[in-house]
Amino acid sequence: MRVIAVEEHMATEAFLRVAHGLDVVPGDETEMDLMRTVESPPGFRARLVDLDARLREMDALGQDMAVLSLNPPGVQPYPAADAVPLAREFNDALAAIVRRHPGRFGGLAAVAPQDPAAAAAEVERAMGPLGLHGIMINSHTGGRYLDEPEFAPLLEAAEANRAPIYLHPRAPSMFAAYRDYGLPGAIWGYQACR
């Protein structure tokens, strides 16, 4: 029996450097302020970016493989013009990691649903030349959810390329109702994000 962990988020220093300097779409500011605060201290940042330490920890825990994905909320809080190239660059780095450690790491690609056509193209690239194993989508994108017609190209590309979609929770788009009670990222907030 092999032990494979799926909820294994990571980032690269290059991603964090760029992402932390980007503007965020209206409505996602509070969540991104929190994420940037969490991602900045050296100890936590190292847990996201240091893959050698991750491999040592996996060995110590008896974990055979990790399916890596970009730390939520991924590229979804950014304008499409920034998010599309940021997803591509991250996916290139992720694919290189998986190629270096094929028995230890798998990868779920990041896509930018805010540009459904570009996201569809990235699904094809991720599942084709990059050799990744699926995609991760973090709940809503700008308060819009995957069951809305505008996302059909993304979903069609996932189906055509047999790309599993890992739907990950994030702070809900109807944030105000949860913020006053301190619940945007807690279990009640997550109930509203799918």
Protein backbone atom coordinates (compact mmCIF):
# COMPACT_ATOMS: atom_id res chain seq x y z
CA MET A 1 0.00 0.00 0.00
CA ARG A 2 1.25 3.50 -0.87
CA VAL A 3 0.47 6.61 1.15
CA ILE A 4 -0.42 9.50 -1.19
CA ALA A 5 -1.33 12.93 0.17
CA VAL A 6 -3.50 15.17 -1.99
CA GLU A 7 -3.97 18.36 0.05
CA GLU A 8 -0.34 19.40 -0.46
CA HIS A 9 -0.07 23.10 -1.24
CA MET A 10 3.11 24.80 -2.29
CA ALA A 11 4.42 27.89 -4.01
CA THR A 12 7.65 29.01 -5.57
CA GLU A 13 9.67 32.02 -4.51
CA ALA A 14 9.15 33.46 -8.00
CA PHE A 15 5.37 33.07 -7.69
CA LEU A 16 5.23 34.66 -4.24
CA ARG A 17 7.47 37.57 -5.27
CA VAL A 18 5.24 38.41 -8.23
CA ALA A 19 1.87 37.60 -6.63
CA HIS A 20 2.51 39.65 -3.51
CA GLY A 21 3.08 42.71 -5.69
CA LEU A 22 -0.12 42.41 -7.73
CA ASP A 23 -3.37 44.25 -7.32
CA VAL A 24 -6.31 42.12 -6.25
CA VAL A 25 -9.79 42.20 -7.79
CA PRO A 26 -12.40 44.06 -5.74
CA GLY A 27 -13.93 41.87 -3.05
CA ASP A 28 -10.86 39.66 -2.53
CA GLU A 29 -8.75 42.16 -0.60
CA THR A 30 -9.41 40.83 2.91
CA GLU A 31 -8.69 37.22 1.98
CA MET A 32 -5.50 38.19 0.14
CA ASP A 33 -4.29 40.41 2.99
CA LEU A 34 -4.63 37.36 5.25
CA MET A 35 -2.91 35.02 2.78
CA ARG A 36 -0.03 37.44 2.19
CA THR A 37 0.41 37.76 5.96
CA VAL A 38 0.45 33.98 6.37
CA GLU A 39 2.82 33.42 3.41
CA SER A 40 5.38 36.02 4.49
CA PRO A 41 6.99 34.75 7.74
CA PRO A 42 10.17 32.79 6.94
CA GLY A 43 9.05 29.58 8.67
CA PHE A 44 5.74 29.24 6.86
CA ARG A 45 7.18 30.47 3.58
CA ALA A 46 9.87 27.78 3.80
CA ARG A 47 7.18 25.12 4.24
CA LEU A 48 5.64 26.29 0.95
CA VAL A 49 8.82 26.55 -1.12
CA ASP A 50 11.43 24.14 0.33
CA LEU A 51 10.85 20.86 -1.48
CA ASP A 52 13.94 19.17 -0.02
CA ALA A 53 12.55 19.74 3.48
CA ARG A 54 9.17 18.48 2.26
CA LEU A 55 10.78 15.27 0.98
CA ARG A 56 12.55 14.75 4.33
CA GLU A 57 9.27 15.27 6.16
CA MET A 58 7.47 12.88 3.81
CA ASP A 59 10.13 10.24 4.48
CA ALA A 60 9.86 10.75 8.23
CA LEU A 61 6.07 10.36 8.06
CA GLY A 62 6.08 7.37 5.72
CA GLN A 63 4.35 9.36 2.98
CA ASP A 64 5.22 7.94 -0.43
CA MET A 65 3.86 10.66 -2.69
CA ALA A 66 2.37 14.15 -2.59
CA VAL A 67 0.08 15.68 -5.19
CA LEU A 68 1.24 19.30 -5.19
CA SER A 69 -0.93 22.31 -5.95
CA LEU A 70 -0.57 26.06 -5.72
CA ASN A 71 -1.37 27.48 -2.31
CA PRO A 72 -5.01 28.70 -2.34
CA PRO A 73 -6.52 30.90 -3.60
CA GLY A 74 -4.07 30.44 -6.45
CA VAL A 75 -4.24 33.01 -9.25
CA GLN A 76 -7.98 33.59 -8.97
CA PRO A 77 -7.90 36.89 -6.98
CA TYR A 78 -5.90 38.69 -9.69
CA PRO A 79 -6.98 40.43 -12.89
CA ALA A 80 -6.93 38.08 -15.89
CA ALA A 81 -4.03 39.93 -17.52
CA ASP A 82 -1.86 39.05 -14.50
CA ALA A 83 -3.41 35.69 -13.60
CA VAL A 84 -3.01 33.95 -16.97
CA PRO A 85 0.81 34.33 -17.25
CA LEU A 86 1.21 33.72 -13.52
CA ALA A 87 -0.61 30.38 -13.82
CA ARG A 88 1.50 29.40 -16.85
CA GLU A 89 4.76 30.22 -15.05
CA PHE A 90 3.72 28.34 -11.93
CA ASN A 91 2.65 25.32 -13.99
CA ASP A 92 5.99 25.29 -15.80
CA ALA A 93 7.77 25.23 -12.42
CA LEU A 94 5.42 22.57 -11.05
CA ALA A 95 5.93 20.34 -14.09
CA ALA A 96 9.72 20.65 -13.68
CA ILE A 97 9.39 19.59 -10.02
CA VAL A 98 7.26 16.58 -10.96
CA ARG A 99 9.75 15.59 -13.69
CA ARG A 100 12.64 15.78 -11.18
CA HIS A 101 10.78 13.61 -8.65
CA PRO A 102 8.27 11.52 -10.64
CA GLY A 103 7.85 8.88 -7.96
CA ARG A 104 7.36 11.40 -5.17
CA PHE A 105 5.34 14.28 -6.60
CA GLY A 106 2.32 14.65 -8.82
CA GLY A 107 0.84 18.00 -9.72
CA LEU A 108 -2.47 19.82 -10.10
CA ALA A 109 -2.20 22.80 -12.44
CA ALA A 110 -3.35 26.30 -11.62
CA VAL A 111 -5.70 27.94 -14.11
CA ALA A 112 -7.23 31.41 -14.37
CA PRO A 113 -11.00 30.91 -14.69
CA GLN A 114 -11.40 34.69 -15.04
CA ASP A 115 -10.32 34.08 -18.67
CA PRO A 116 -12.17 30.85 -19.54
CA ALA A 117 -10.58 30.50 -23.00
CA ALA A 118 -7.06 30.90 -21.59
CA ALA A 119 -7.93 28.51 -18.75
CA ALA A 120 -9.12 25.94 -21.31
CA ALA A 121 -5.84 26.29 -23.22
CA GLU A 122 -3.91 25.88 -19.97
CA VAL A 123 -5.83 22.70 -19.13
CA GLU A 124 -4.77 21.28 -22.51
CA ARG A 125 -1.14 22.32 -21.95
CA ALA A 126 -1.09 21.02 -18.37
CA MET A 127 -2.53 17.64 -19.26
CA GLY A 128 -0.55 17.39 -22.51
CA PRO A 129 3.03 18.67 -22.78
CA LEU A 130 3.43 19.45 -19.08
CA GLY A 131 2.25 16.01 -17.99
CA LEU A 132 0.40 17.20 -14.89
CA HIS A 133 -2.42 15.20 -13.31
CA GLY A 134 -5.40 17.55 -13.14
CA ILE A 135 -6.28 21.09 -12.13
CA MET A 136 -7.21 22.88 -8.94
CA ILE A 137 -9.89 25.54 -8.86
CA ASN A 138 -10.41 27.49 -5.68
CA SER A 139 -14.16 27.84 -5.32
CA HIS A 140 -15.29 31.12 -6.91
CA THR A 141 -13.54 33.58 -9.17
CA GLY A 142 -14.61 37.15 -8.57
CA GLY A 143 -17.79 35.87 -6.94
CA ARG A 144 -18.63 33.72 -9.98
CA TYR A 145 -18.96 29.95 -9.66
CA LEU A 146 -18.21 27.16 -12.13
CA ASP A 147 -21.86 26.36 -12.84
CA GLU A 148 -22.25 29.68 -14.65
CA PRO A 149 -22.29 29.42 -18.48
CA GLU A 150 -19.20 31.59 -18.96
CA PHE A 151 -17.04 28.76 -17.57
CA ALA A 152 -18.21 26.19 -20.13
CA PRO A 153 -14.94 26.35 -22.17
CA LEU A 154 -12.91 25.53 -19.06
CA LEU A 155 -15.15 22.62 -18.09
CA GLU A 156 -15.25 21.31 -21.67
CA ALA A 157 -11.45 21.37 -21.84
CA ALA A 158 -11.23 19.49 -18.53
CA GLU A 159 -13.60 16.85 -19.83
CA ALA A 160 -11.90 16.58 -23.24
CA ASN A 161 -8.48 16.21 -21.60
CA ARG A 162 -9.68 13.90 -18.82
CA ALA A 163 -8.44 16.43 -16.27
CA PRO A 164 -9.75 15.83 -12.78
CA ILE A 165 -10.83 19.07 -11.12
CA TYR A 166 -9.98 19.44 -7.46
CA LEU A 167 -12.44 22.02 -6.15
CA HIS A 168 -10.86 23.68 -3.13
CA PRO A 169 -12.70 25.98 -0.71
CA ARG A 170 -11.76 29.59 -0.13
CA ALA A 171 -13.37 32.52 1.62
CA PRO A 172 -16.89 32.87 0.20
CA SER A 173 -17.80 35.58 -2.28
CA MET A 174 -20.59 36.73 0.02
CA PHE A 175 -17.90 37.59 2.55
CA ALA A 176 -19.65 40.31 4.58
CA ALA A 177 -22.18 37.95 6.16
CA TYR A 178 -19.33 35.85 7.59
CA ARG A 179 -16.72 38.53 8.36
CA ASP A 180 -18.64 40.08 11.25
CA TYR A 181 -18.64 36.72 13.04
CA GLY A 182 -15.03 35.78 12.25
CA LEU A 183 -16.11 32.86 10.07
CA PRO A 184 -14.93 33.60 6.50
CA GLY A 185 -12.35 30.80 6.42
CA ALA A 186 -13.87 28.56 9.04
CA ILE A 187 -16.23 25.70 8.42
CA TRP A 188 -19.31 27.93 8.05
CA GLY A 189 -17.60 30.14 5.49
CA TYR A 190 -16.45 27.10 3.54
CA GLN A 191 -20.01 25.81 3.35
CA ALA A 192 -20.89 28.75 1.11
CA CYS A 193 -17.92 28.55 -1.24
CA ARG A 194 -18.69 25.58 -3.43
